[in-house]
Amino acid sequence: MKDLILITAFLLIITMCGDVFAQQPKNIKDALTVIHDRKSVRHFTGQVVSREDLITIVKAGMAAPTAVNMQPWSFVIVTERKTLDALAEKLPYAKMLDKAGAAIVVCAIPGKAFEGKTEFAIIDASCASENILLAAEALGLGAVWTAAYPDKDRIDAVREILDIPGSAIPLNVIPVGYPTSEDKPKDKFKQENIYWEKWKSM
């Protein structure tokens, strides 16, 4: 009887461990690998990106550093094909939106920034944008920063298409989708750009 109880307990533990392992995320890269594997993806398959993945990506954006924790940002998630195509038509460097599964528009809000400064809002929203790019890479998706700011025509176009108020600055439009694997990461490390202790003349 004692042996039967022990065997039953052992099998229960194995089953529970199996359930825990099954719930663990698979093929998730470590942080440094994600950073070095990140690339500007401009070629997409056209496959739809899930709402769950888009929320995960934007949540990562909101985890970015921000001056005095003011969080002067907002995000417009675009999934409708008609809207993606309208953005592609108006933005000269975002033509890849025609095959992207979605887009995330990062907006800086000066009125919410530390000391109400536009500079802080832009910096904070830029940090959020980088987190978005890294999160997409971590999920096996591709993304690319296409700038709206500081070009007035692009800012106005994004504002008009997405009904963004004048109190918010569309910083960028980030196409997100499943990559075709045509785009590859670049090794940007350059020893000559490093100084130790003090800046030294070249």
N, C-alpha and C. Protein backbone atom coordinates (compact mmCIF):
# COMPACT_ATOMS: atom_id res chain seq x y z
N MET A 1 0.83 -1.20 0.00
CA MET A 1 0.00 0.00 0.00
C MET A 1 0.87 1.26 0.00
N LYS A 2 1.94 1.21 0.84
CA LYS A 2 2.85 2.35 0.94
C LYS A 2 3.52 2.60 -0.40
N ASP A 3 3.94 1.52 -1.07
CA ASP A 3 4.58 1.65 -2.38
C ASP A 3 3.62 2.25 -3.40
N LEU A 4 2.37 1.84 -3.34
CA LEU A 4 1.37 2.34 -4.27
C LEU A 4 1.17 3.85 -4.09
N ILE A 5 1.16 4.28 -2.83
CA ILE A 5 1.01 5.72 -2.54
C ILE A 5 2.20 6.50 -3.08
N LEU A 6 3.39 5.96 -2.89
CA LEU A 6 4.61 6.63 -3.37
C LEU A 6 4.61 6.72 -4.90
N ILE A 7 4.22 5.64 -5.55
CA ILE A 7 4.18 5.63 -7.02
C ILE A 7 3.16 6.64 -7.53
N THR A 8 1.98 6.67 -6.88
CA THR A 8 0.93 7.62 -7.27
C THR A 8 1.40 9.05 -7.10
N ALA A 9 2.08 9.32 -5.97
CA ALA A 9 2.60 10.67 -5.71
C ALA A 9 3.64 11.05 -6.75
N PHE A 10 4.50 10.09 -7.09
CA PHE A 10 5.55 10.33 -8.08
C PHE A 10 4.95 10.66 -9.45
N LEU A 11 3.94 9.89 -9.85
CA LEU A 11 3.28 10.13 -11.14
C LEU A 11 2.58 11.49 -11.16
N LEU A 12 2.00 11.87 -10.01
CA LEU A 12 1.33 13.17 -9.91
C LEU A 12 2.33 14.31 -10.08
N ILE A 13 3.48 14.18 -9.45
CA ILE A 13 4.53 15.20 -9.56
C ILE A 13 5.01 15.32 -11.00
N ILE A 14 5.22 14.18 -11.65
CA ILE A 14 5.68 14.17 -13.04
C ILE A 14 4.66 14.88 -13.94
N THR A 15 3.37 14.58 -13.69
CA THR A 15 2.30 15.19 -14.49
C THR A 15 2.29 16.70 -14.30
N MET A 16 2.42 17.13 -13.04
CA MET A 16 2.40 18.56 -12.74
C MET A 16 3.60 19.26 -13.38
N CYS A 17 4.75 18.64 -13.30
CA CYS A 17 5.95 19.23 -13.92
C CYS A 17 5.78 19.34 -15.43
N GLY A 18 5.17 18.32 -16.00
CA GLY A 18 4.94 18.34 -17.44
C GLY A 18 4.06 19.50 -17.85
N ASP A 19 3.03 19.76 -17.03
CA ASP A 19 2.13 20.88 -17.31
C ASP A 19 2.86 22.21 -17.22
N VAL A 20 3.73 22.33 -16.23
CA VAL A 20 4.50 23.58 -16.05
C VAL A 20 5.41 23.80 -17.24
N PHE A 21 6.13 22.75 -17.65
CA PHE A 21 7.06 22.89 -18.77
C PHE A 21 6.31 23.19 -20.06
N ALA A 22 5.11 22.61 -20.21
CA ALA A 22 4.33 22.84 -21.43
C ALA A 22 3.89 24.29 -21.54
N GLN A 23 3.75 24.96 -20.38
CA GLN A 23 3.31 26.35 -20.38
C GLN A 23 4.45 27.33 -20.62
N GLN A 24 5.67 26.86 -20.56
CA GLN A 24 6.81 27.76 -20.76
C GLN A 24 6.90 28.20 -22.21
N PRO A 25 7.24 29.48 -22.45
CA PRO A 25 7.38 29.95 -23.83
C PRO A 25 8.49 29.19 -24.55
N LYS A 26 8.25 28.90 -25.82
CA LYS A 26 9.22 28.13 -26.58
C LYS A 26 9.97 29.04 -27.56
N ASN A 27 11.20 28.72 -27.79
CA ASN A 27 12.02 29.43 -28.76
C ASN A 27 12.13 30.93 -28.48
N ILE A 28 12.06 31.32 -27.22
CA ILE A 28 12.25 32.71 -26.85
C ILE A 28 13.75 32.97 -26.69
N LYS A 29 14.24 33.97 -27.43
CA LYS A 29 15.67 34.28 -27.40
C LYS A 29 16.02 35.05 -26.13
N ASP A 30 17.29 34.96 -25.71
CA ASP A 30 17.73 35.78 -24.60
C ASP A 30 17.87 37.23 -25.08
N ALA A 31 17.96 38.16 -24.14
CA ALA A 31 17.92 39.59 -24.45
C ALA A 31 19.02 40.03 -25.41
N LEU A 32 20.25 39.59 -25.19
CA LEU A 32 21.35 40.01 -26.06
C LEU A 32 21.20 39.47 -27.47
N THR A 33 20.69 38.25 -27.59
CA THR A 33 20.46 37.69 -28.93
C THR A 33 19.40 38.49 -29.66
N VAL A 34 18.33 38.86 -28.96
CA VAL A 34 17.28 39.68 -29.57
C VAL A 34 17.85 41.01 -30.05
N ILE A 35 18.66 41.64 -29.22
CA ILE A 35 19.26 42.94 -29.58
C ILE A 35 20.11 42.81 -30.84
N HIS A 36 20.93 41.79 -30.89
CA HIS A 36 21.85 41.65 -32.03
C HIS A 36 21.15 41.09 -33.28
N ASP A 37 20.04 40.39 -33.08
CA ASP A 37 19.30 39.85 -34.23
C ASP A 37 18.31 40.85 -34.82
N ARG A 38 18.01 41.91 -34.07
CA ARG A 38 17.04 42.89 -34.56
C ARG A 38 17.54 43.51 -35.87
N LYS A 39 16.62 43.65 -36.80
CA LYS A 39 16.95 44.27 -38.08
C LYS A 39 15.73 45.03 -38.58
N SER A 40 15.95 45.91 -39.53
CA SER A 40 14.84 46.63 -40.14
C SER A 40 14.22 45.73 -41.20
N VAL A 41 13.04 45.23 -40.89
CA VAL A 41 12.36 44.30 -41.80
C VAL A 41 11.42 45.08 -42.72
N ARG A 42 11.68 44.95 -44.01
CA ARG A 42 10.87 45.66 -45.02
C ARG A 42 10.15 44.70 -45.97
N HIS A 43 10.31 43.41 -45.73
CA HIS A 43 9.68 42.41 -46.58
C HIS A 43 8.83 41.48 -45.72
N PHE A 44 7.52 41.52 -45.94
CA PHE A 44 6.58 40.75 -45.13
C PHE A 44 5.78 39.78 -45.99
N THR A 45 5.26 38.75 -45.35
CA THR A 45 4.50 37.72 -46.06
C THR A 45 3.04 38.11 -46.28
N GLY A 46 2.55 39.09 -45.54
CA GLY A 46 1.14 39.46 -45.62
C GLY A 46 0.27 38.79 -44.58
N GLN A 47 0.86 37.87 -43.81
CA GLN A 47 0.09 37.15 -42.78
C GLN A 47 -0.35 38.11 -41.68
N VAL A 48 -1.55 37.89 -41.19
CA VAL A 48 -2.11 38.73 -40.12
C VAL A 48 -1.36 38.50 -38.81
N VAL A 49 -1.15 39.56 -38.06
CA VAL A 49 -0.53 39.47 -36.73
C VAL A 49 -1.65 39.44 -35.70
N SER A 50 -1.53 38.55 -34.74
CA SER A 50 -2.60 38.39 -33.75
C SER A 50 -2.71 39.60 -32.83
N ARG A 51 -3.91 39.82 -32.36
CA ARG A 51 -4.15 40.89 -31.39
C ARG A 51 -3.30 40.67 -30.13
N GLU A 52 -3.19 39.42 -29.71
CA GLU A 52 -2.41 39.09 -28.52
C GLU A 52 -0.95 39.52 -28.68
N ASP A 53 -0.36 39.23 -29.85
CA ASP A 53 1.03 39.62 -30.09
C ASP A 53 1.17 41.14 -30.14
N LEU A 54 0.23 41.82 -30.72
CA LEU A 54 0.29 43.28 -30.80
C LEU A 54 0.21 43.91 -29.42
N ILE A 55 -0.64 43.37 -28.57
CA ILE A 55 -0.73 43.88 -27.19
C ILE A 55 0.58 43.60 -26.45
N THR A 56 1.14 42.42 -26.65
CA THR A 56 2.42 42.08 -26.02
C THR A 56 3.51 43.06 -26.44
N ILE A 57 3.53 43.41 -27.71
CA ILE A 57 4.54 44.33 -28.24
C ILE A 57 4.36 45.73 -27.66
N VAL A 58 3.13 46.22 -27.63
CA VAL A 58 2.88 47.56 -27.10
C VAL A 58 3.14 47.61 -25.59
N LYS A 59 2.84 46.53 -24.91
CA LYS A 59 3.14 46.45 -23.47
C LYS A 59 4.64 46.59 -23.25
N ALA A 60 5.44 45.99 -24.12
CA ALA A 60 6.89 46.15 -24.03
C ALA A 60 7.29 47.60 -24.26
N GLY A 61 6.60 48.26 -25.20
CA GLY A 61 6.86 49.68 -25.43
C GLY A 61 6.64 50.50 -24.18
N MET A 62 5.58 50.19 -23.46
CA MET A 62 5.25 50.94 -22.25
C MET A 62 6.19 50.64 -21.08
N ALA A 63 7.03 49.64 -21.23
CA ALA A 63 8.01 49.32 -20.19
C ALA A 63 9.30 50.12 -20.35
N ALA A 64 9.36 50.98 -21.35
CA ALA A 64 10.57 51.75 -21.64
C ALA A 64 10.85 52.79 -20.55
N PRO A 65 12.10 53.22 -20.45
CA PRO A 65 12.42 54.30 -19.51
C PRO A 65 11.76 55.61 -19.95
N THR A 66 11.42 56.44 -18.98
CA THR A 66 10.75 57.71 -19.26
C THR A 66 11.10 58.71 -18.18
N ALA A 67 11.39 59.94 -18.56
CA ALA A 67 11.82 60.96 -17.61
C ALA A 67 10.77 61.18 -16.53
N VAL A 68 11.18 61.00 -15.27
CA VAL A 68 10.32 61.19 -14.10
C VAL A 68 9.05 60.34 -14.21
N ASN A 69 9.14 59.26 -14.94
CA ASN A 69 8.02 58.31 -15.13
C ASN A 69 6.74 58.99 -15.60
N MET A 70 6.87 59.99 -16.47
CA MET A 70 5.70 60.72 -16.95
C MET A 70 4.95 59.97 -18.06
N GLN A 71 5.64 59.08 -18.76
CA GLN A 71 5.02 58.24 -19.81
C GLN A 71 4.23 59.08 -20.83
N PRO A 72 4.91 60.01 -21.50
CA PRO A 72 4.21 60.90 -22.44
C PRO A 72 4.03 60.29 -23.82
N TRP A 73 3.33 59.20 -23.88
CA TRP A 73 3.19 58.48 -25.14
C TRP A 73 1.79 57.89 -25.28
N SER A 74 1.42 57.63 -26.50
CA SER A 74 0.23 56.86 -26.83
C SER A 74 0.55 56.03 -28.07
N PHE A 75 -0.23 54.97 -28.28
CA PHE A 75 0.05 54.05 -29.37
C PHE A 75 -1.24 53.79 -30.15
N VAL A 76 -1.15 53.91 -31.45
CA VAL A 76 -2.30 53.57 -32.30
C VAL A 76 -1.95 52.27 -33.02
N ILE A 77 -2.71 51.22 -32.75
CA ILE A 77 -2.50 49.93 -33.41
C ILE A 77 -3.43 49.86 -34.61
N VAL A 78 -2.85 49.64 -35.77
CA VAL A 78 -3.63 49.60 -37.02
C VAL A 78 -3.59 48.20 -37.60
N THR A 79 -4.78 47.63 -37.85
CA THR A 79 -4.84 46.29 -38.44
C THR A 79 -5.70 46.27 -39.71
N GLU A 80 -6.53 47.28 -39.91
CA GLU A 80 -7.41 47.28 -41.07
C GLU A 80 -6.62 47.54 -42.35
N ARG A 81 -6.83 46.69 -43.35
CA ARG A 81 -6.08 46.76 -44.60
C ARG A 81 -6.26 48.12 -45.29
N LYS A 82 -7.47 48.64 -45.27
CA LYS A 82 -7.73 49.93 -45.91
C LYS A 82 -6.89 51.04 -45.30
N THR A 83 -6.75 51.03 -43.99
CA THR A 83 -5.96 52.07 -43.31
C THR A 83 -4.48 51.88 -43.54
N LEU A 84 -4.02 50.64 -43.51
CA LEU A 84 -2.61 50.36 -43.78
C LEU A 84 -2.24 50.83 -45.19
N ASP A 85 -3.11 50.57 -46.14
CA ASP A 85 -2.86 50.99 -47.52
C ASP A 85 -2.86 52.51 -47.66
N ALA A 86 -3.74 53.18 -46.91
CA ALA A 86 -3.79 54.64 -46.95
C ALA A 86 -2.49 55.24 -46.41
N LEU A 87 -1.97 54.65 -45.34
CA LEU A 87 -0.69 55.11 -44.79
C LEU A 87 0.44 54.86 -45.79
N ALA A 88 0.42 53.70 -46.41
CA ALA A 88 1.46 53.36 -47.40
C ALA A 88 1.46 54.34 -48.56
N GLU A 89 0.29 54.76 -48.96
CA GLU A 89 0.17 55.68 -50.09
C GLU A 89 0.73 57.05 -49.77
N LYS A 90 0.56 57.50 -48.51
CA LYS A 90 0.97 58.85 -48.13
C LYS A 90 2.40 58.95 -47.62
N LEU A 91 2.96 57.83 -47.16
CA LEU A 91 4.29 57.86 -46.54
C LEU A 91 5.32 57.24 -47.49
N PRO A 92 6.27 58.04 -47.96
CA PRO A 92 7.20 57.56 -48.99
C PRO A 92 8.11 56.42 -48.55
N TYR A 93 8.38 56.31 -47.25
CA TYR A 93 9.30 55.26 -46.78
C TYR A 93 8.57 54.14 -46.04
N ALA A 94 7.25 54.07 -46.23
CA ALA A 94 6.48 53.03 -45.55
C ALA A 94 5.66 52.21 -46.54
N LYS A 95 6.17 52.05 -47.74
CA LYS A 95 5.45 51.31 -48.77
C LYS A 95 5.27 49.84 -48.41
N MET A 96 6.15 49.34 -47.52
CA MET A 96 6.05 47.94 -47.12
C MET A 96 4.79 47.64 -46.30
N LEU A 97 4.06 48.68 -45.94
CA LEU A 97 2.79 48.48 -45.22
C LEU A 97 1.79 47.67 -46.04
N ASP A 98 1.99 47.63 -47.35
CA ASP A 98 1.05 46.88 -48.20
C ASP A 98 1.10 45.38 -47.94
N LYS A 99 2.20 44.91 -47.32
CA LYS A 99 2.33 43.48 -46.99
C LYS A 99 2.42 43.23 -45.48
N ALA A 100 2.51 44.30 -44.70
CA ALA A 100 2.62 44.13 -43.25
C ALA A 100 1.27 43.66 -42.69
N GLY A 101 1.34 42.91 -41.59
CA GLY A 101 0.11 42.44 -40.98
C GLY A 101 -0.55 43.49 -40.10
N ALA A 102 0.23 44.49 -39.68
CA ALA A 102 -0.28 45.54 -38.80
C ALA A 102 0.73 46.68 -38.77
N ALA A 103 0.36 47.74 -38.08
CA ALA A 103 1.30 48.84 -37.84
C ALA A 103 1.04 49.39 -36.45
N ILE A 104 2.10 49.86 -35.83
CA ILE A 104 1.98 50.53 -34.53
C ILE A 104 2.53 51.94 -34.71
N VAL A 105 1.69 52.92 -34.42
CA VAL A 105 2.10 54.32 -34.53
C VAL A 105 2.38 54.82 -33.12
N VAL A 106 3.62 55.22 -32.89
CA VAL A 106 4.02 55.73 -31.57
C VAL A 106 3.88 57.25 -31.58
N CYS A 107 3.14 57.76 -30.63
CA CYS A 107 2.91 59.21 -30.55
C CYS A 107 3.53 59.77 -29.27
N ALA A 108 4.18 60.90 -29.41
CA ALA A 108 4.74 61.63 -28.27
C ALA A 108 3.77 62.73 -27.87
N ILE A 109 3.58 62.90 -26.57
CA ILE A 109 2.62 63.87 -26.07
C ILE A 109 3.33 64.88 -25.16
N PRO A 110 3.76 66.01 -25.72
CA PRO A 110 4.52 67.00 -24.94
C PRO A 110 3.80 67.44 -23.67
N GLY A 111 2.49 67.58 -23.72
CA GLY A 111 1.75 68.03 -22.54
C GLY A 111 1.84 67.09 -21.35
N LYS A 112 2.20 65.84 -21.60
CA LYS A 112 2.35 64.86 -20.52
C LYS A 112 3.80 64.70 -20.09
N ALA A 113 4.72 65.28 -20.83
CA ALA A 113 6.15 65.06 -20.59
C ALA A 113 6.65 65.87 -19.40
N PHE A 114 7.78 65.48 -18.87
CA PHE A 114 8.42 66.21 -17.78
C PHE A 114 8.65 67.66 -18.21
N GLU A 115 8.19 68.58 -17.38
CA GLU A 115 8.29 70.02 -17.63
C GLU A 115 7.57 70.45 -18.91
N GLY A 116 6.72 69.58 -19.44
CA GLY A 116 5.97 69.90 -20.64
C GLY A 116 6.82 70.10 -21.87
N LYS A 117 8.00 69.50 -21.88
CA LYS A 117 8.94 69.72 -22.97
C LYS A 117 8.78 68.69 -24.08
N THR A 118 8.75 69.21 -25.31
CA THR A 118 8.66 68.33 -26.48
C THR A 118 9.86 67.39 -26.54
N GLU A 119 11.03 67.91 -26.18
CA GLU A 119 12.25 67.09 -26.26
C GLU A 119 12.13 65.83 -25.40
N PHE A 120 11.61 65.98 -24.19
CA PHE A 120 11.46 64.81 -23.32
C PHE A 120 10.42 63.83 -23.89
N ALA A 121 9.35 64.37 -24.45
CA ALA A 121 8.33 63.50 -25.03
C ALA A 121 8.89 62.69 -26.19
N ILE A 122 9.68 63.33 -27.04
CA ILE A 122 10.30 62.64 -28.19
C ILE A 122 11.29 61.58 -27.72
N ILE A 123 12.10 61.92 -26.74
CA ILE A 123 13.08 60.95 -26.22
C ILE A 123 12.38 59.74 -25.63
N ASP A 124 11.38 59.99 -24.80
CA ASP A 124 10.66 58.89 -24.15
C ASP A 124 9.95 58.01 -25.17
N ALA A 125 9.30 58.64 -26.15
CA ALA A 125 8.59 57.86 -27.18
C ALA A 125 9.57 57.08 -28.05
N SER A 126 10.77 57.62 -28.22
CA SER A 126 11.81 56.90 -28.97
C SER A 126 12.25 55.65 -28.22
N CYS A 127 12.39 55.77 -26.90
CA CYS A 127 12.74 54.60 -26.09
C CYS A 127 11.65 53.54 -26.20
N ALA A 128 10.40 53.97 -26.16
CA ALA A 128 9.28 53.03 -26.31
C ALA A 128 9.31 52.36 -27.68
N SER A 129 9.67 53.12 -28.70
CA SER A 129 9.74 52.58 -30.07
C SER A 129 10.80 51.48 -30.18
N GLU A 130 11.95 51.70 -29.55
CA GLU A 130 13.00 50.68 -29.59
C GLU A 130 12.53 49.41 -28.91
N ASN A 131 11.84 49.54 -27.78
CA ASN A 131 11.31 48.35 -27.11
C ASN A 131 10.34 47.60 -28.01
N ILE A 132 9.55 48.34 -28.77
CA ILE A 132 8.60 47.72 -29.70
C ILE A 132 9.33 46.92 -30.76
N LEU A 133 10.39 47.48 -31.31
CA LEU A 133 11.18 46.79 -32.33
C LEU A 133 11.81 45.51 -31.76
N LEU A 134 12.30 45.59 -30.53
CA LEU A 134 12.92 44.42 -29.90
C LEU A 134 11.88 43.36 -29.56
N ALA A 135 10.71 43.79 -29.11
CA ALA A 135 9.66 42.82 -28.77
C ALA A 135 9.20 42.07 -30.02
N ALA A 136 9.08 42.79 -31.13
CA ALA A 136 8.69 42.12 -32.38
C ALA A 136 9.71 41.05 -32.76
N GLU A 137 10.97 41.39 -32.63
CA GLU A 137 12.05 40.43 -32.93
C GLU A 137 11.96 39.22 -32.00
N ALA A 138 11.72 39.46 -30.73
CA ALA A 138 11.65 38.37 -29.75
C ALA A 138 10.51 37.41 -30.06
N LEU A 139 9.44 37.92 -30.66
CA LEU A 139 8.27 37.09 -30.97
C LEU A 139 8.38 36.41 -32.34
N GLY A 140 9.51 36.61 -33.02
CA GLY A 140 9.68 36.01 -34.33
C GLY A 140 9.02 36.82 -35.44
N LEU A 141 8.65 38.06 -35.13
CA LEU A 141 8.06 38.94 -36.12
C LEU A 141 9.12 39.92 -36.63
N GLY A 142 8.75 40.70 -37.61
CA GLY A 142 9.65 41.72 -38.13
C GLY A 142 9.01 43.08 -37.99
N ALA A 143 9.84 44.11 -37.90
CA ALA A 143 9.33 45.48 -37.78
C ALA A 143 10.40 46.45 -38.28
N VAL A 144 9.95 47.67 -38.59
CA VAL A 144 10.89 48.69 -39.04
C VAL A 144 10.34 50.06 -38.65
N TRP A 145 11.23 50.92 -38.19
CA TRP A 145 10.87 52.30 -37.83
C TRP A 145 10.80 53.11 -39.11
N THR A 146 9.64 53.63 -39.46
CA THR A 146 9.52 54.58 -40.57
C THR A 146 9.08 55.91 -39.95
N ALA A 147 9.85 56.93 -40.18
CA ALA A 147 9.66 58.19 -39.47
C ALA A 147 8.52 59.02 -40.02
N ALA A 148 7.76 59.61 -39.10
CA ALA A 148 6.84 60.70 -39.44
C ALA A 148 7.51 62.00 -38.98
N TYR A 149 7.84 62.07 -37.69
CA TYR A 149 8.59 63.19 -37.13
C TYR A 149 10.02 63.15 -37.64
N PRO A 150 10.63 64.29 -38.01
CA PRO A 150 10.14 65.66 -37.88
C PRO A 150 9.52 66.24 -39.16
N ASP A 151 9.24 65.41 -40.15
CA ASP A 151 8.71 65.91 -41.42
C ASP A 151 7.24 66.32 -41.27
N LYS A 152 6.96 67.59 -41.50
CA LYS A 152 5.60 68.11 -41.29
C LYS A 152 4.56 67.42 -42.17
N ASP A 153 4.89 67.21 -43.44
CA ASP A 153 3.93 66.58 -44.35
C ASP A 153 3.56 65.18 -43.89
N ARG A 154 4.54 64.42 -43.42
CA ARG A 154 4.27 63.07 -42.95
C ARG A 154 3.46 63.08 -41.65
N ILE A 155 3.83 64.00 -40.76
CA ILE A 155 3.08 64.13 -39.51
C ILE A 155 1.63 64.46 -39.80
N ASP A 156 1.41 65.41 -40.70
CA ASP A 156 0.04 65.81 -41.04
C ASP A 156 -0.73 64.66 -41.68
N ALA A 157 -0.06 63.89 -42.53
CA ALA A 157 -0.73 62.77 -43.20
C ALA A 157 -1.17 61.72 -42.19
N VAL A 158 -0.29 61.37 -41.26
CA VAL A 158 -0.62 60.37 -40.25
C VAL A 158 -1.73 60.88 -39.34
N ARG A 159 -1.64 62.15 -38.96
CA ARG A 159 -2.69 62.76 -38.12
C ARG A 159 -4.05 62.66 -38.81
N GLU A 160 -4.08 63.00 -40.10
CA GLU A 160 -5.35 63.02 -40.83
C GLU A 160 -5.94 61.62 -40.96
N ILE A 161 -5.12 60.65 -41.33
CA ILE A 161 -5.62 59.29 -41.55
C ILE A 161 -6.11 58.64 -40.26
N LEU A 162 -5.40 58.93 -39.16
CA LEU A 162 -5.71 58.24 -37.89
C LEU A 162 -6.43 59.12 -36.88
N ASP A 163 -6.82 60.34 -37.28
CA ASP A 163 -7.53 61.25 -36.38
C ASP A 163 -6.75 61.54 -35.10
N ILE A 164 -5.45 61.73 -35.24
CA ILE A 164 -4.60 62.03 -34.09
C ILE A 164 -4.69 63.52 -33.79
N PRO A 165 -4.94 63.89 -32.55
CA PRO A 165 -5.11 65.32 -32.21
C PRO A 165 -3.79 66.09 -32.28
N GLY A 166 -3.91 67.40 -32.34
CA GLY A 166 -2.72 68.25 -32.41
C GLY A 166 -1.86 68.20 -31.17
N SER A 167 -2.40 67.71 -30.06
CA SER A 167 -1.64 67.61 -28.81
C SER A 167 -0.67 66.44 -28.82
N ALA A 168 -0.78 65.57 -29.82
CA ALA A 168 0.10 64.40 -29.93
C ALA A 168 0.91 64.48 -31.21
N ILE A 169 2.17 64.09 -31.15
CA ILE A 169 3.06 64.09 -32.31
C ILE A 169 3.27 62.66 -32.78
N PRO A 170 2.80 62.30 -33.97
CA PRO A 170 3.12 60.96 -34.51
C PRO A 170 4.62 60.88 -34.77
N LEU A 171 5.30 60.12 -33.95
CA LEU A 171 6.75 60.01 -34.08
C LEU A 171 7.13 59.12 -35.25
N ASN A 172 6.44 58.00 -35.37
CA ASN A 172 6.77 57.03 -36.41
C ASN A 172 5.58 56.14 -36.72
N VAL A 173 5.69 55.40 -37.80
CA VAL A 173 4.76 54.33 -38.12
C VAL A 173 5.62 53.07 -38.23
N ILE A 174 5.34 52.09 -37.39
CA ILE A 174 6.14 50.86 -37.36
C ILE A 174 5.35 49.72 -37.97
N PRO A 175 5.64 49.35 -39.23
CA PRO A 175 5.02 48.16 -39.81
C PRO A 175 5.45 46.91 -39.03
N VAL A 176 4.52 46.03 -38.78
CA VAL A 176 4.80 44.79 -38.05
C VAL A 176 4.22 43.63 -38.84
N GLY A 177 4.98 42.55 -38.96
CA GLY A 177 4.44 41.40 -39.68
C GLY A 177 5.38 40.22 -39.64
N TYR A 178 5.02 39.22 -40.40
CA TYR A 178 5.85 38.02 -40.50
C TYR A 178 6.88 38.23 -41.61
N PRO A 179 8.16 38.14 -41.27
CA PRO A 179 9.21 38.43 -42.26
C PRO A 179 9.38 37.31 -43.28
N THR A 180 9.81 37.70 -44.47
CA THR A 180 10.10 36.71 -45.52
C THR A 180 11.51 36.14 -45.37
N SER A 181 12.26 36.68 -44.42
CA SER A 181 13.67 36.29 -44.15
C SER A 181 14.65 36.89 -45.14
N GLU A 182 14.19 37.84 -45.95
CA GLU A 182 15.12 38.53 -46.86
C GLU A 182 16.02 39.52 -46.12
N ASP A 183 15.50 40.11 -45.07
CA ASP A 183 16.25 41.12 -44.32
C ASP A 183 17.11 40.46 -43.25
N LYS A 184 18.36 40.89 -43.15
CA LYS A 184 19.31 40.28 -42.23
C LYS A 184 19.87 41.33 -41.26
N PRO A 185 20.24 40.91 -40.05
CA PRO A 185 20.84 41.85 -39.11
C PRO A 185 22.23 42.28 -39.58
N LYS A 186 22.64 43.47 -39.16
CA LYS A 186 23.95 44.00 -39.53
C LYS A 186 24.81 44.12 -38.28
N ASP A 187 26.08 43.81 -38.43
CA ASP A 187 27.03 44.00 -37.33
C ASP A 187 27.49 45.45 -37.35
N LYS A 188 27.04 46.24 -36.40
CA LYS A 188 27.34 47.67 -36.38
C LYS A 188 28.42 48.04 -35.37
N PHE A 189 29.04 47.03 -34.78
CA PHE A 189 30.08 47.31 -33.78
C PHE A 189 31.31 47.90 -34.45
N LYS A 190 31.77 49.03 -33.93
CA LYS A 190 32.99 49.67 -34.43
C LYS A 190 33.84 50.10 -33.25
N GLN A 191 34.99 49.49 -33.13
CA GLN A 191 35.90 49.76 -32.03
C GLN A 191 36.28 51.24 -31.97
N GLU A 192 36.40 51.87 -33.13
CA GLU A 192 36.86 53.27 -33.16
C GLU A 192 35.84 54.24 -32.58
N ASN A 193 34.62 53.77 -32.33
CA ASN A 193 33.62 54.65 -31.73
C ASN A 193 33.57 54.56 -30.21
N ILE A 194 34.54 53.85 -29.63
CA ILE A 194 34.61 53.68 -28.18
C ILE A 194 35.78 54.47 -27.62
N TYR A 195 35.52 55.23 -26.57
CA TYR A 195 36.58 55.93 -25.84
C TYR A 195 36.53 55.45 -24.40
N TRP A 196 37.70 55.31 -23.79
CA TRP A 196 37.78 54.91 -22.39
C TRP A 196 38.20 56.10 -21.55
N GLU A 197 37.42 56.36 -20.54
CA GLU A 197 37.67 57.41 -19.55
C GLU A 197 37.44 58.83 -20.09
N LYS A 198 38.09 59.19 -21.21
CA LYS A 198 37.90 60.53 -21.80
C LYS A 198 37.85 60.43 -23.31
N TRP A 199 37.20 61.43 -23.91
CA TRP A 199 37.17 61.53 -25.36
C TRP A 199 38.57 61.84 -25.86
N LYS A 200 38.99 61.15 -26.92
CA LYS A 200 40.33 61.37 -27.47
C LYS A 200 40.21 61.72 -28.95
N SER A 201 41.05 62.61 -29.39
CA SER A 201 41.02 63.01 -30.80
C SER A 201 41.38 61.84 -31.66
N MET A 202 40.75 61.79 -32.83
CA MET A 202 41.00 60.70 -33.76
C MET A 202 42.42 60.84 -34.36
